[in-house]
Amino acid sequence: MKYLVGIVTYNPNIIEIKNKLTLLREKEYNVIIVDNSSKNINILKETSKNFDTFLIENSENMGIAFALNQIFEFAEKKKFEWVLTLDQDSDISDSLLETFSMCPMNNQVGVYCPKVYDIISRTFVQNGKAETNRKKYSEIDKCITS
């Protein structure tokens, strides 16, 4: 299966981006960064080049939805079968990537979304409420962007 990870950025912390790219490249994922007109674009360009990462530079901040559409258009054009979207500050781990790559693929599922962990309350949350569902997969009403 052909995987793509898309990261949307706006004035990102370059060290955090490098850490994400290091992890993703170790796992041999293809990565695209869509930048929404960052002030540190030159450093981001160099970082992207050093990590052999695709980069789309938007001349102005068009918002998250516009950038996500660019990621999916790129994925469709390059015939990627699976896309993970991240914000620049998304925390990822080996287990998250492996878990998503094992999700069943079928025409009934459009999006897989991780359970959101609130570091302040130390609970998983969904729709702003403490999560009580312990199932591995469940249908949800709302999904986070990344």
Protein backbone atom coordinates (compact mmCIF):
# COMPACT_ATOMS: atom_id res chain seq x y z
CA MET A 1 0.00 0.00 0.00
CA LYS A 2 1.24 3.49 -0.84
CA TYR A 3 1.22 5.87 2.18
CA LEU A 4 1.48 9.65 2.39
CA VAL A 5 1.77 11.89 5.45
CA GLY A 6 0.71 15.52 4.94
CA ILE A 7 1.74 18.25 7.36
CA VAL A 8 0.16 21.72 7.30
CA THR A 9 2.46 24.48 8.59
CA TYR A 10 2.40 28.17 9.46
CA ASN A 11 5.54 29.64 11.05
CA PRO A 12 6.48 26.22 12.43
CA ASN A 13 9.09 25.40 15.02
CA ILE A 14 11.76 23.94 12.73
CA ILE A 15 13.23 21.67 15.41
CA GLU A 16 9.80 20.07 15.94
CA ILE A 17 9.36 19.67 12.17
CA LYS A 18 12.79 18.04 11.89
CA ASN A 19 11.89 15.62 14.71
CA LYS A 20 8.66 14.64 12.92
CA LEU A 21 10.42 14.26 9.59
CA THR A 22 13.14 12.12 11.17
CA LEU A 23 10.55 9.70 12.57
CA LEU A 24 8.51 9.62 9.36
CA ARG A 25 11.55 9.08 7.12
CA GLU A 26 12.83 6.28 9.39
CA LYS A 27 9.52 4.54 8.69
CA GLU A 28 9.97 5.31 4.97
CA TYR A 29 6.73 7.29 4.69
CA ASN A 30 6.35 9.75 1.86
CA VAL A 31 5.78 13.22 3.27
CA ILE A 32 4.35 16.45 1.90
CA ILE A 33 4.38 19.77 3.72
CA VAL A 34 1.87 22.44 2.75
CA ASP A 35 3.00 25.78 4.10
CA ASN A 36 0.59 28.67 4.61
CA SER A 37 2.99 31.57 3.94
CA SER A 38 5.42 31.19 6.85
CA LYS A 39 8.00 33.83 7.68
CA ASN A 40 10.61 31.07 8.06
CA ILE A 41 9.88 29.53 4.65
CA ASN A 42 13.55 29.56 3.58
CA ILE A 43 14.54 27.38 6.54
CA LEU A 44 11.50 25.16 5.91
CA LYS A 45 12.52 24.81 2.24
CA GLU A 46 16.01 23.72 3.23
CA THR A 47 14.65 21.29 5.83
CA SER A 48 12.20 19.86 3.32
CA LYS A 49 14.99 19.39 0.79
CA ASN A 50 17.29 17.72 3.36
CA PHE A 51 14.56 15.22 4.27
CA ASP A 52 13.53 14.56 0.65
CA THR A 53 10.04 15.87 1.39
CA PHE A 54 7.56 17.39 -1.04
CA LEU A 55 6.73 21.03 -0.28
CA ILE A 56 3.87 23.21 -1.48
CA GLU A 57 4.36 26.90 -0.69
CA ASN A 58 1.22 28.99 -0.51
CA SER A 59 1.83 32.70 -1.08
CA GLU A 60 -0.76 33.57 1.56
CA ASN A 61 -2.46 31.79 4.45
CA MET A 62 -5.48 30.19 2.83
CA GLY A 63 -6.46 28.23 5.95
CA ILE A 64 -6.37 24.64 7.04
CA ALA A 65 -9.15 23.36 4.76
CA PHE A 66 -7.46 24.75 1.65
CA ALA A 67 -4.14 23.15 2.66
CA LEU A 68 -5.80 19.80 3.40
CA ASN A 69 -7.41 19.86 -0.04
CA GLN A 70 -3.96 20.44 -1.54
CA ILE A 71 -2.64 17.39 0.31
CA PHE A 72 -5.48 15.20 -0.95
CA GLU A 73 -5.18 16.51 -4.51
CA PHE A 74 -1.46 15.68 -4.42
CA ALA A 75 -2.22 12.22 -2.99
CA GLU A 76 -4.77 11.51 -5.68
CA LYS A 77 -2.47 12.73 -8.46
CA LYS A 78 0.42 10.57 -7.19
CA LYS A 79 -1.92 7.61 -6.56
CA PHE A 80 -1.40 7.30 -2.82
CA GLU A 81 -3.95 4.96 -1.26
CA TRP A 82 -3.74 6.18 2.33
CA VAL A 83 -3.15 9.66 3.80
CA LEU A 84 -2.40 10.76 7.36
CA THR A 85 -2.87 14.50 7.95
CA LEU A 86 -1.04 16.38 10.69
CA ASP A 87 -0.80 19.91 11.98
CA GLN A 88 2.70 21.21 12.65
CA ASP A 89 2.21 20.68 16.39
CA SER A 90 0.64 17.20 16.18
CA ASP A 91 2.34 14.70 18.43
CA ILE A 92 3.00 11.42 16.66
CA SER A 93 4.53 8.16 17.76
CA ASP A 94 5.60 4.89 16.22
CA SER A 95 2.49 3.22 17.63
CA LEU A 96 0.13 5.77 16.05
CA LEU A 97 1.59 5.25 12.61
CA GLU A 98 1.59 1.46 12.96
CA THR A 99 -1.97 1.43 14.33
CA PHE A 100 -3.33 3.49 11.45
CA SER A 101 -1.48 1.41 8.87
CA MET A 102 -3.26 -1.69 10.23
CA CYS A 103 -6.76 -0.21 10.03
CA PRO A 104 -9.08 -2.16 7.76
CA MET A 105 -9.51 -0.54 4.38
CA ASN A 106 -12.95 -0.72 2.83
CA ASN A 107 -15.47 1.47 1.07
CA GLN A 108 -17.53 1.91 4.25
CA VAL A 109 -14.90 4.01 6.06
CA GLY A 110 -13.84 7.46 4.89
CA VAL A 111 -11.75 8.64 7.84
CA TYR A 112 -10.00 7.14 10.82
CA CYS A 113 -9.49 9.54 13.70
CA PRO A 114 -7.41 8.95 16.83
CA LYS A 115 -8.89 9.33 20.26
CA VAL A 116 -7.86 12.72 21.59
CA TYR A 117 -5.95 12.70 24.87
CA ASP A 118 -6.25 15.82 27.02
CA ILE A 119 -2.96 16.23 28.89
CA ILE A 120 -4.56 18.50 31.50
CA SER A 121 -7.42 16.21 32.56
CA ARG A 122 -5.45 13.08 31.60
CA THR A 123 -8.47 11.59 29.88
CA PHE A 124 -9.47 10.74 26.36
CA VAL A 125 -12.11 13.15 25.06
CA GLN A 126 -14.67 13.16 22.27
CA ASN A 127 -17.00 16.05 21.48
CA GLY A 128 -15.64 17.87 24.54
CA LYS A 129 -16.65 15.10 26.97
CA ALA A 130 -14.68 12.40 28.76
CA GLU A 131 -14.53 9.29 26.57
CA THR A 132 -16.05 6.12 28.04
CA ASN A 133 -16.06 3.98 24.90
CA ARG A 134 -13.20 1.48 25.12
CA LYS A 135 -13.82 -0.18 21.75
CA LYS A 136 -10.91 -0.35 19.34
CA TYR A 137 -13.09 1.25 16.62
CA SER A 138 -16.33 3.16 16.93
CA GLU A 139 -18.42 5.54 14.89
CA ILE A 140 -18.03 9.20 15.85
CA ASP A 141 -19.82 12.45 15.00
CA LYS A 142 -16.77 14.72 14.82
CA CYS A 143 -13.17 14.26 13.85
CA ILE A 144 -10.07 16.32 14.59
CA THR A 145 -8.09 17.66 11.65
CA SER A 146 -4.94 15.73 12.43
